[in-house]
Protein backbone atom coordinates (compact mmCIF):
# COMPACT_ATOMS: atom_id res chain seq x y z
CA MET A 1 0.20 0.05 -0.07
CA ALA A 2 1.42 3.87 -0.90
CA SER A 3 1.96 5.69 1.84
CA ASP A 4 0.40 9.16 2.93
CA HIS A 5 3.73 10.96 1.34
CA GLU A 6 3.82 8.58 -1.98
CA GLN A 7 -0.18 9.23 -2.52
CA GLN A 8 0.56 13.41 -1.70
CA GLN A 9 3.44 13.36 -3.91
CA GLY A 10 2.30 10.98 -7.21
CA SER A 11 3.76 7.94 -8.41
CA PRO A 12 7.41 8.61 -10.07
CA GLU A 13 5.19 7.58 -13.45
CA GLU A 14 2.63 10.36 -12.71
CA LYS A 15 6.13 12.66 -11.87
CA ARG A 16 7.36 12.21 -15.38
CA ALA A 17 4.29 12.17 -17.10
CA GLY A 18 3.22 15.89 -15.31
CA GLU A 19 6.90 16.79 -16.66
CA GLN A 20 6.43 15.78 -20.17
CA ALA A 21 2.93 17.44 -20.24
CA GLN A 22 4.87 20.70 -19.29
CA LYS A 23 7.63 20.45 -21.53
CA ASN A 24 4.92 19.49 -24.32
CA ASP A 25 3.24 22.92 -23.42
CA ALA A 26 6.31 24.98 -23.30
CA GLN A 27 7.25 23.60 -26.66
CA ILE A 28 3.99 24.42 -28.64
CA LYS A 29 4.38 27.83 -27.07
CA HIS A 30 7.77 28.56 -28.22
CA GLU A 31 6.12 26.95 -31.66
CA VAL A 32 3.31 29.50 -31.50
CA MET A 33 5.76 32.31 -30.81
CA GLN A 34 7.87 31.22 -33.42
CA LYS A 35 4.83 31.12 -35.95
CA TYR A 36 4.04 34.43 -34.90
CA GLY A 37 7.41 35.99 -35.74
CA LYS A 38 7.52 34.97 -38.68
CA ILE A 39 4.26 36.68 -39.82
CA PRO A 40 4.91 39.78 -41.95
CA LEU A 41 2.19 42.47 -40.52
CA THR A 42 0.27 44.38 -43.49
CA PHE A 43 -2.33 46.75 -43.08
CA VAL A 44 -5.61 46.99 -45.50
CA PRO A 45 -8.01 50.61 -46.30
CA ASN A 46 -11.38 50.06 -44.41
CA GLN A 47 -14.00 50.32 -47.75
CA GLY A 48 -16.93 49.83 -45.99
CA GLN A 49 -15.93 46.11 -44.87
CA LEU A 50 -15.37 46.84 -40.98
CA LYS A 51 -17.06 49.81 -39.06
CA ALA A 52 -16.79 53.42 -41.09
CA GLU A 53 -14.74 55.04 -38.31
CA TYR A 54 -11.24 52.66 -38.95
CA SER A 55 -9.57 53.68 -41.54
CA LEU A 56 -7.30 50.70 -41.72
CA TYR A 57 -6.58 47.67 -40.29
CA ALA A 58 -4.65 44.37 -39.49
CA THR A 59 -5.41 41.23 -38.35
CA GLY A 60 -3.96 37.94 -37.41
CA SER A 61 -4.79 34.28 -35.57
CA GLY A 62 -6.01 35.98 -32.34
CA PHE A 63 -5.44 39.97 -32.62
CA ARG A 64 -7.12 42.87 -34.79
CA PHE A 65 -5.76 46.31 -35.13
CA ALA A 66 -7.23 49.32 -35.84
CA PHE A 67 -6.06 52.37 -36.95
CA LEU A 68 -8.95 55.49 -36.21
CA LYS A 69 -8.19 59.29 -36.53
CA GLU A 70 -7.53 59.86 -32.71
CA LYS A 71 -6.41 56.74 -31.48
CA VAL A 72 -5.38 52.81 -32.57
CA ILE A 73 -7.02 49.77 -31.31
CA LEU A 74 -5.25 46.79 -30.24
CA THR A 75 -7.79 44.05 -29.83
CA PHE A 76 -6.54 40.68 -28.82
CA TYR A 77 -8.95 37.50 -28.60
CA LYS A 78 -9.94 33.51 -28.95
CA ARG A 79 -13.00 31.73 -29.97
CA SER A 80 -14.29 28.67 -28.57
CA LYS A 81 -17.44 26.78 -29.34
CA GLN A 82 -19.92 26.89 -26.63
CA GLU A 83 -21.32 23.43 -25.81
CA GLN A 84 -25.19 22.94 -27.10
CA PRO A 85 -27.89 22.05 -24.77
CA GLU A 86 -29.31 18.44 -25.24
CA GLU A 87 -33.04 19.84 -25.95
CA ALA A 88 -31.51 21.99 -28.92
CA LYS A 89 -30.03 19.71 -31.35
CA ALA A 90 -31.82 19.22 -34.29
CA ASP A 91 -32.62 15.90 -35.40
CA GLU A 92 -32.75 16.70 -39.87
CA GLN A 93 -33.93 13.25 -40.69
CA GLY A 94 -36.75 13.37 -43.48
CA ILE A 95 -34.66 16.23 -45.49
CA LYS A 96 -35.92 15.77 -48.71
CA THR A 97 -35.68 18.68 -51.20
CA ALA A 98 -32.62 20.97 -52.26
CA GLU A 99 -34.54 23.85 -50.33
CA GLN A 100 -34.80 22.06 -46.96
CA LEU A 101 -31.41 21.49 -47.24
CA GLU A 102 -29.92 24.73 -47.83
CA ARG A 103 -32.35 26.24 -45.11
CA SER A 104 -31.04 23.52 -42.81
CA ALA A 105 -27.78 24.62 -43.26
CA LEU A 106 -28.05 28.05 -43.04
CA GLY A 107 -29.96 27.23 -39.58
CA ARG A 108 -26.43 25.16 -38.77
CA ARG A 109 -24.42 28.11 -39.26
CA LYS A 110 -26.35 30.76 -37.71
CA LYS A 111 -26.64 28.09 -34.93
CA GLU A 112 -23.20 27.46 -34.57
CA ALA A 113 -22.60 31.11 -34.71
CA SER A 114 -24.64 31.32 -31.68
CA LEU A 115 -22.80 28.98 -29.72
CA THR A 116 -19.82 30.79 -30.47
CA LYS A 117 -18.34 32.25 -27.25
CA THR A 118 -15.60 35.28 -28.15
CA GLU A 119 -13.64 36.33 -25.10
CA GLY A 120 -10.43 38.63 -24.83
CA ILE A 121 -9.01 42.25 -24.43
CA ASN A 122 -9.10 45.61 -26.50
CA LEU A 123 -6.71 48.10 -25.71
CA ILE A 124 -7.04 51.61 -26.79
CA LEU A 125 -3.51 53.60 -27.32
CA ARG A 126 -5.15 57.46 -27.58
CA PHE A 127 -3.15 60.43 -28.74
CA VAL A 128 -3.20 62.93 -25.77
CA ASP A 129 -3.70 66.40 -26.81
CA ALA A 130 -3.38 66.02 -30.47
CA ALA A 131 -4.68 67.03 -33.71
CA THR A 132 -7.27 64.60 -35.54
CA VAL A 133 -5.28 62.68 -38.15
CA GLU A 134 -6.53 60.53 -40.96
CA PRO A 135 -4.12 57.98 -40.94
CA ARG A 136 -2.99 56.68 -44.37
CA GLY A 137 -0.79 53.52 -45.17
CA GLN A 138 2.15 53.60 -47.45
CA LYS A 139 4.90 51.52 -49.22
CA GLU A 140 2.10 48.72 -51.15
CA ALA A 141 3.42 45.45 -49.62
CA GLY A 142 2.00 43.31 -53.38
CA GLY A 143 -1.19 41.43 -53.48
CA LYS A 144 -4.68 42.64 -53.45
CA VAL A 145 -7.35 41.75 -50.33
CA ASN A 146 -11.21 40.84 -51.64
CA TYR A 147 -14.25 40.57 -49.11
CA PHE A 148 -17.53 38.77 -50.45
CA ARG A 149 -19.84 38.97 -47.91
CA GLY A 150 -23.44 37.99 -48.60
CA ARG A 151 -25.13 37.45 -51.93
CA LYS A 152 -25.49 41.05 -52.92
CA LYS A 153 -22.42 42.12 -55.04
CA GLU A 154 -22.67 45.47 -54.30
CA ASN A 155 -21.22 44.79 -51.07
CA TRP A 156 -18.82 42.95 -51.86
CA VAL A 157 -15.34 44.41 -52.00
CA ARG A 158 -12.45 43.77 -54.43
CA GLY A 159 -9.00 44.42 -55.26
CA LEU A 160 -7.98 46.39 -51.74
CA PRO A 161 -3.97 46.84 -51.60
CA MET A 162 -2.50 46.33 -48.42
CA TYR A 163 0.44 48.61 -47.07
CA LYS A 164 3.10 48.29 -45.16
CA GLU A 165 3.28 50.89 -42.70
CA VAL A 166 0.45 53.53 -41.82
CA VAL A 167 1.28 57.02 -41.20
CA TYR A 168 -0.24 59.91 -38.96
CA GLU A 169 1.02 63.14 -40.11
CA GLY A 170 1.25 66.05 -37.61
CA LEU A 171 -0.25 64.52 -34.83
CA TRP A 172 1.20 66.81 -32.65
CA PRO A 173 3.44 70.29 -33.68
CA GLY A 174 6.41 68.95 -36.07
CA VAL A 175 5.60 64.69 -34.94
CA ASP A 176 4.60 62.37 -37.14
CA ALA A 177 3.84 58.56 -36.25
CA THR A 178 4.73 55.61 -38.15
CA PHE A 179 3.17 51.93 -37.36
CA HIS A 180 4.63 49.03 -39.39
CA GLY A 181 5.41 45.29 -38.24
CA ARG A 182 8.88 44.07 -37.54
CA LYS A 183 9.56 40.12 -37.13
CA GLY A 184 5.60 39.92 -36.64
CA GLN A 185 5.58 42.43 -33.78
CA LEU A 186 3.18 45.68 -34.33
CA LYS A 187 6.11 48.76 -34.07
CA TYR A 188 5.24 52.52 -33.79
CA ASP A 189 8.18 55.43 -34.72
CA PHE A 190 7.91 59.01 -33.99
CA THR A 191 9.73 61.17 -36.57
CA VAL A 192 10.19 64.42 -34.35
CA GLN A 193 11.26 67.64 -36.35
CA ALA A 194 14.30 69.97 -35.87
CA ASP A 195 13.17 72.08 -32.86
CA ALA A 196 9.63 70.44 -32.48
CA GLU A 197 8.66 69.03 -28.42
CA ILE A 198 8.89 66.20 -27.96
CA ASP A 199 7.06 66.52 -24.38
CA LYS A 200 3.80 66.82 -26.57
CA ILE A 201 3.95 63.42 -27.43
CA ARG A 202 1.79 61.72 -24.64
CA LEU A 203 -0.22 58.13 -25.27
CA PHE A 204 -3.40 56.95 -22.77
CA TYR A 205 -3.55 53.10 -22.57
CA GLY A 206 -7.28 52.60 -22.28
CA GLY A 207 -8.16 49.29 -21.03
CA ALA A 208 -5.21 48.38 -19.58
CA ASP A 209 -5.18 47.65 -15.90
CA LYS A 210 -2.30 49.70 -15.80
CA ILE A 211 1.15 50.53 -16.72
CA SER A 212 4.71 50.72 -14.90
CA LEU A 213 8.34 50.49 -15.71
CA ASN A 214 10.75 48.19 -14.66
CA ASP A 215 14.08 48.26 -14.17
CA GLU A 216 15.15 47.94 -17.33
CA GLY A 217 13.29 50.85 -18.27
CA LYS A 218 10.94 48.83 -19.96
CA LEU A 219 7.12 49.06 -20.09
CA GLU A 220 4.87 46.85 -18.80
CA ILE A 221 1.12 46.90 -19.71
CA HIS A 222 -0.76 44.71 -17.14
CA THR A 223 -3.98 43.42 -18.71
CA PRO A 224 -6.15 40.39 -17.40
CA TYR A 225 -4.50 38.00 -19.77
CA GLY A 226 -0.82 38.77 -19.21
CA ILE A 227 1.49 41.74 -19.37
CA ILE A 228 2.78 43.49 -23.06
CA TYR A 229 6.23 44.81 -22.71
CA GLU A 230 7.46 48.16 -25.11
CA GLU A 231 10.76 48.18 -25.22
CA LYS A 232 12.70 51.01 -24.10
CA PRO A 233 12.78 53.08 -26.39
CA VAL A 234 15.79 54.14 -29.25
CA SER A 235 16.54 56.94 -30.40
CA TYR A 236 18.51 58.44 -33.47
CA GLN A 237 19.48 60.99 -35.31
CA MET A 238 21.34 61.16 -38.88
CA CYS A 239 24.20 63.03 -38.75
CA GLU A 240 26.49 63.49 -42.17
CA GLY A 241 25.30 59.89 -43.20
CA GLU A 242 25.74 58.01 -39.67
CA GLN A 243 23.18 57.25 -37.54
CA LYS A 244 24.28 59.00 -33.86
CA GLU A 245 21.87 57.17 -31.02
CA VAL A 246 20.50 59.46 -28.19
CA ALA A 247 19.50 57.77 -24.87
CA THR A 248 15.98 58.39 -24.57
CA ARG A 249 13.68 57.00 -21.67
CA PHE A 250 9.48 56.52 -21.47
CA CYS A 251 7.88 58.93 -18.89
CA LEU A 252 5.15 58.40 -16.90
CA TYR A 253 2.06 60.84 -16.54
CA ASP A 254 -0.46 59.18 -14.58
CA ASP A 255 -1.04 54.26 -14.11
CA GLN A 256 -2.41 54.80 -17.95
CA THR A 257 -0.71 57.69 -19.83
CA ILE A 258 2.75 57.68 -20.90
CA GLY A 259 5.78 60.28 -23.01
CA PHE A 260 9.23 60.70 -24.07
CA ALA A 261 11.81 62.03 -22.01
CA LEU A 262 16.20 62.89 -23.73
CA GLU A 263 18.85 61.57 -21.41
CA GLU A 264 20.90 63.08 -23.21
CA GLU A 265 21.43 66.50 -25.36
CA ALA A 266 20.71 66.00 -28.80
CA ASP A 267 21.07 68.57 -32.13
CA SER A 268 18.08 70.78 -32.36
CA SER A 269 18.38 71.45 -36.09
CA LEU A 270 18.21 67.76 -36.91
CA PRO A 271 15.11 65.74 -36.86
CA LEU A 272 14.92 62.69 -34.08
CA THR A 273 13.14 59.24 -34.57
CA ILE A 274 12.03 57.72 -31.25
CA ASP A 275 11.55 53.60 -32.00
CA PRO A 276 9.51 51.72 -29.02
CA ALA A 277 8.56 48.17 -30.09
CA LEU A 278 5.55 46.08 -28.47
CA HIS A 279 5.98 42.35 -27.61
CA TYR A 280 2.64 40.70 -27.14
CA LEU A 281 3.02 37.52 -28.08
CA SER A 282 3.48 35.92 -24.88
CA LEU A 283 -0.76 37.67 -24.17
CA VAL A 284 -1.58 36.10 -27.74
CA THR A 285 -0.25 32.70 -26.39
CA GLU A 286 -1.73 33.19 -22.83
CA ILE A 287 -5.42 33.99 -24.47
CA ASP A 288 -4.74 31.22 -26.51
């Protein structure tokens, strides 16, 4: 008979099985992270296929990024099927005609949609005290996107271009913002023109529990599903064809608002590029 200690700790076989399950989970997560890192982000203009206030968007497995005039909405989600009640299960025996079959298939699709559960979070990156700017796509990625929804051809959308970047020009005086992908991650850069004020840049993270800075100067965006990180910003100026780095850090104005500050003097006669990076892959795998 097994001792109480053995019963609490489990047999060696159970322990090995648990360790193997943990290794399998880690391997799956690693493979998912690798997969996401190889997916190029492209941005599609909205021509009626989504809400009217969306100018452009990017989608992928478990996420959607929507670009509006005054903000960017970062959505991370998963979908799962809910168990269908036994009394609601349809018995399709006796269906004879094509019309009946079509109605039955349509009913199943509607029923499946109603039994699909979606959960996740929206993070809203709002530009504080900024101009209202229409974002635009630039640098075509090649290829086209088509949307065929419903049976009415007038509602179909064909030949939409895909872009590598989304640009907001003049968000603050002398400051432009550019969103693009790098290694499967969403990045945004701020270009600060000569003599423009860096402390005008302020971003509000709606939907986050809180934001904080760690000891490495990284921004931590706390959500119910985990933490999204933004690397400590790397800023630089181009001087005589060479890239000169300018030490920069995040500023926290409150629990949800951030900005940037220079840690050393920059050349005020030259433009400055501020280059942080979002790291959300671990969040996507947590939700998935």
